[in-house]
Amino acid sequence: MTDEAGQLRDTGELDAEGLARRRVALAQIRQYPDPALRLAAREVEQFDDSLRRLAERMTSLMVDAHGVGLAATQVGVLQRVFVFQEDDAEPRAVVNPRIVQQSAELETDEEGCLSLQRVLVPVERSVRVTVEGKDVDGDDVKLELEDLAARVAQHEIDHLDGVLMIDRTTPEARREAMGTLRAQLSLA
């Protein structure tokens, strides 16, 4: 398991139950090269119980998989919703997110993804972003995010646009990642 910078929460050694919960969660998350990962999500128009259930399910999957973020497209739902967790804060959902401001200051760091298991690639991202959207009740949300939280938000919004981290890395890192992913596919 990678650390938080790799998009996976480092929880130390997992016991048998924790490993089982993680495997079950990962089995419900779309894996590369699933076509849903390349589709752009649609704006959410109805803020109802169905949306709240989706956000709750995504949050449970993210926590059980030991991720720090999860986009609806990763569970095969083409709606503009993502969930994430900052440090020890409660997980939160952002509906119809859009980046309205981002810093010119960039940082390259290793990223991982629950949909591209065992792959880490360097990705350059803005260090700070402002994200606007709605919560699951339709109320306005404005988030000023820095460092890991900013990286996670950018990563998840990319998912909602059908963009993967391997699209944003160096050609060399992409080739290496594709080799790892092909090897996993041939073993499946």
Protein backbone atom coordinates (compact mmCIF):
# COMPACT_ATOMS: atom_id res chain seq x y z
CA MET A 1 0.00 0.00 0.00
CA THR A 2 1.29 3.46 -0.82
CA ASP A 3 1.15 6.56 1.30
CA GLU A 4 -1.35 9.40 1.04
CA ALA A 5 0.63 11.13 -1.71
CA GLY A 6 -0.07 8.04 -3.80
CA GLN A 7 -3.83 8.53 -3.28
CA LEU A 8 -4.03 5.64 -0.81
CA ARG A 9 -4.24 6.17 2.91
CA ASP A 10 -1.40 4.47 4.78
CA THR A 11 -2.99 2.54 7.61
CA GLY A 12 -0.10 0.26 8.44
CA GLU A 13 -0.63 -3.47 8.44
CA LEU A 14 -4.20 -4.49 7.84
CA ASP A 15 -5.68 -7.39 9.75
CA ALA A 16 -7.53 -10.19 7.92
CA GLU A 17 -10.86 -8.35 8.16
CA GLY A 18 -9.33 -5.10 6.89
CA LEU A 19 -7.74 -6.90 3.93
CA ALA A 20 -11.03 -8.62 3.11
CA ARG A 21 -12.95 -5.31 3.27
CA ARG A 22 -10.35 -3.69 1.00
CA ARG A 23 -10.60 -6.52 -1.56
CA VAL A 24 -14.42 -6.33 -1.57
CA ALA A 25 -14.30 -2.54 -2.03
CA LEU A 26 -11.73 -2.74 -4.84
CA ALA A 27 -13.87 -5.36 -6.60
CA GLN A 28 -16.64 -2.73 -6.84
CA ILE A 29 -14.37 -0.03 -8.25
CA ARG A 30 -13.91 -0.02 -12.03
CA GLN A 31 -10.41 -1.03 -13.06
CA TYR A 32 -8.39 0.10 -16.06
CA PRO A 33 -9.13 -0.39 -18.99
CA ASP A 34 -12.86 -0.27 -18.17
CA PRO A 35 -14.44 2.10 -20.75
CA ALA A 36 -16.42 3.96 -18.04
CA LEU A 37 -13.12 5.46 -16.86
CA ARG A 38 -12.78 7.30 -20.19
CA LEU A 39 -16.28 8.77 -20.26
CA ALA A 40 -17.15 12.31 -19.19
CA ALA A 41 -19.74 12.51 -16.43
CA ARG A 42 -22.94 14.54 -16.74
CA GLU A 43 -24.01 17.37 -14.45
CA VAL A 44 -26.24 16.30 -11.57
CA GLU A 45 -29.70 17.85 -11.87
CA GLN A 46 -31.61 16.10 -9.09
CA PHE A 47 -30.50 16.39 -5.49
CA ASP A 48 -32.45 13.54 -3.95
CA ASP A 49 -32.12 10.37 -1.86
CA SER A 50 -30.60 8.54 -4.82
CA LEU A 51 -27.72 11.06 -4.92
CA ARG A 52 -27.24 10.82 -1.14
CA ARG A 53 -27.12 7.00 -1.37
CA LEU A 54 -24.54 7.23 -4.18
CA ALA A 55 -22.34 9.55 -2.08
CA GLU A 56 -22.67 7.26 0.95
CA ARG A 57 -21.78 4.19 -1.12
CA MET A 58 -18.79 5.95 -2.67
CA THR A 59 -17.60 7.12 0.74
CA SER A 60 -17.84 3.58 2.15
CA LEU A 61 -15.93 2.16 -0.81
CA MET A 62 -13.24 4.86 -0.55
CA VAL A 63 -12.77 4.26 3.18
CA ASP A 64 -12.79 0.45 2.89
CA ALA A 65 -10.33 0.58 -0.05
CA HIS A 66 -8.11 2.96 1.97
CA GLY A 67 -8.32 5.67 -0.68
CA VAL A 68 -8.38 9.42 -0.17
CA GLY A 69 -10.73 10.16 -3.08
CA LEU A 70 -13.18 8.46 -5.43
CA ALA A 71 -15.12 9.75 -8.46
CA ALA A 72 -18.54 8.47 -9.52
CA THR A 73 -17.14 7.31 -12.86
CA GLN A 74 -14.93 4.89 -10.91
CA VAL A 75 -18.09 3.08 -9.76
CA GLY A 76 -19.66 3.24 -13.23
CA VAL A 77 -21.97 6.18 -12.56
CA LEU A 78 -21.69 9.01 -15.07
CA GLN A 79 -22.60 11.83 -12.71
CA ARG A 80 -20.31 14.68 -11.65
CA VAL A 81 -19.75 13.62 -8.04
CA PHE A 82 -16.61 12.87 -6.10
CA VAL A 83 -15.84 12.11 -2.48
CA PHE A 84 -12.61 12.75 -0.63
CA GLN A 85 -11.15 12.89 2.82
CA GLU A 86 -8.71 15.47 4.14
CA ASP A 87 -6.45 14.13 6.88
CA ASP A 88 -8.64 12.98 9.78
CA ALA A 89 -11.66 15.10 8.80
CA GLU A 90 -14.99 13.55 7.89
CA PRO A 91 -15.22 12.46 4.24
CA ARG A 92 -17.21 14.83 2.08
CA ALA A 93 -18.93 14.77 -1.30
CA VAL A 94 -18.74 17.48 -3.95
CA VAL A 95 -21.39 17.56 -6.68
CA ASN A 96 -20.87 19.31 -10.03
CA PRO A 97 -17.36 20.40 -9.00
CA ARG A 98 -15.34 22.86 -11.00
CA ILE A 99 -11.98 24.40 -10.38
CA VAL A 100 -12.49 28.17 -10.39
CA GLN A 101 -8.97 29.16 -9.39
CA GLN A 102 -5.61 27.42 -9.24
CA SER A 103 -2.17 28.50 -8.22
CA ALA A 104 0.57 29.06 -10.74
CA GLU A 105 2.82 27.21 -8.30
CA LEU A 106 3.08 23.60 -9.44
CA GLU A 107 4.45 20.51 -7.77
CA THR A 108 5.22 17.08 -9.17
CA ASP A 109 4.48 14.13 -6.91
CA GLU A 110 3.74 10.43 -7.26
CA GLU A 111 0.07 9.60 -7.71
CA GLY A 112 -1.74 6.32 -7.43
CA CYS A 113 -5.34 5.46 -8.18
CA LEU A 114 -7.86 2.93 -6.91
CA SER A 115 -8.69 2.18 -10.58
CA LEU A 116 -5.06 1.64 -11.63
CA GLN A 117 -3.78 -0.59 -8.87
CA ARG A 118 -0.05 -1.01 -8.26
CA VAL A 119 0.77 1.96 -10.49
CA LEU A 120 2.45 5.14 -9.28
CA VAL A 121 3.37 7.91 -11.70
CA PRO A 122 4.70 11.45 -11.30
CA VAL A 123 2.03 14.06 -12.02
CA GLU A 124 2.43 17.83 -11.99
CA ARG A 125 -0.49 19.64 -10.32
CA SER A 126 -1.29 23.06 -8.89
CA VAL A 127 -0.41 23.31 -5.20
CA ARG A 128 -3.60 25.26 -4.39
CA VAL A 129 -7.05 25.20 -5.96
CA THR A 130 -10.45 26.66 -5.27
CA VAL A 131 -13.27 24.25 -6.07
CA GLU A 132 -16.89 25.28 -6.29
CA GLY A 133 -19.86 22.96 -6.50
CA LYS A 134 -22.75 21.71 -4.43
CA ASP A 135 -23.19 19.32 -1.53
CA VAL A 136 -25.60 16.37 -1.77
CA ASP A 137 -28.48 18.62 -0.63
CA GLY A 138 -27.84 21.14 -3.42
CA ASP A 139 -26.28 23.80 -1.20
CA ASP A 140 -23.32 25.77 -2.56
CA VAL A 141 -19.83 24.61 -1.59
CA LYS A 142 -16.57 26.53 -1.99
CA LEU A 143 -13.38 24.75 -0.97
CA GLU A 144 -9.94 26.36 -0.70
CA LEU A 145 -7.63 23.35 -0.92
CA GLU A 146 -3.85 23.01 -0.62
CA ASP A 147 -1.23 20.31 -1.02
CA LEU A 148 -2.66 16.75 -0.87
CA ALA A 149 -6.30 17.89 -0.78
CA ALA A 150 -5.73 20.07 -3.86
CA ARG A 151 -4.03 17.16 -5.64
CA VAL A 152 -6.87 14.78 -4.79
CA ALA A 153 -9.54 17.22 -6.01
CA GLN A 154 -7.70 17.73 -9.31
CA HIS A 155 -7.25 13.96 -9.72
CA GLU A 156 -10.96 13.25 -9.07
CA ILE A 157 -12.20 16.07 -11.31
CA ASP A 158 -9.97 14.63 -14.04
CA HIS A 159 -11.80 11.31 -13.56
CA LEU A 160 -15.12 13.09 -14.08
CA ASP A 161 -13.75 14.38 -17.40
CA GLY A 162 -12.52 10.92 -18.48
CA VAL A 163 -8.87 11.82 -17.88
CA LEU A 164 -6.55 9.43 -16.04
CA MET A 165 -3.29 10.15 -14.22
CA ILE A 166 -1.41 8.22 -16.92
CA ASP A 167 -2.57 10.92 -19.37
CA ARG A 168 -0.82 13.58 -17.25
CA THR A 169 2.52 11.91 -16.63
CA THR A 170 5.77 11.73 -18.57
CA PRO A 171 5.99 9.49 -21.64
CA GLU A 172 8.51 7.26 -19.85
CA ALA A 173 6.35 6.88 -16.73
CA ARG A 174 3.31 6.20 -18.93
CA ARG A 175 5.14 3.39 -20.79
CA GLU A 176 6.19 1.83 -17.49
CA ALA A 177 2.66 2.13 -16.07
CA MET A 178 1.15 0.58 -19.20
CA GLY A 179 3.57 -2.35 -18.87
CA THR A 180 2.43 -2.91 -15.28
CA LEU A 181 -1.24 -2.64 -16.28
CA ARG A 182 -0.82 -5.05 -19.24
CA ALA A 183 0.89 -7.57 -16.96
CA GLN A 184 -2.03 -7.35 -14.52
CA LEU A 185 -4.52 -7.86 -17.35
CA SER A 186 -2.72 -10.94 -18.65
CA LEU A 187 -2.75 -12.47 -15.14
CA ALA A 188 -6.48 -11.83 -14.70
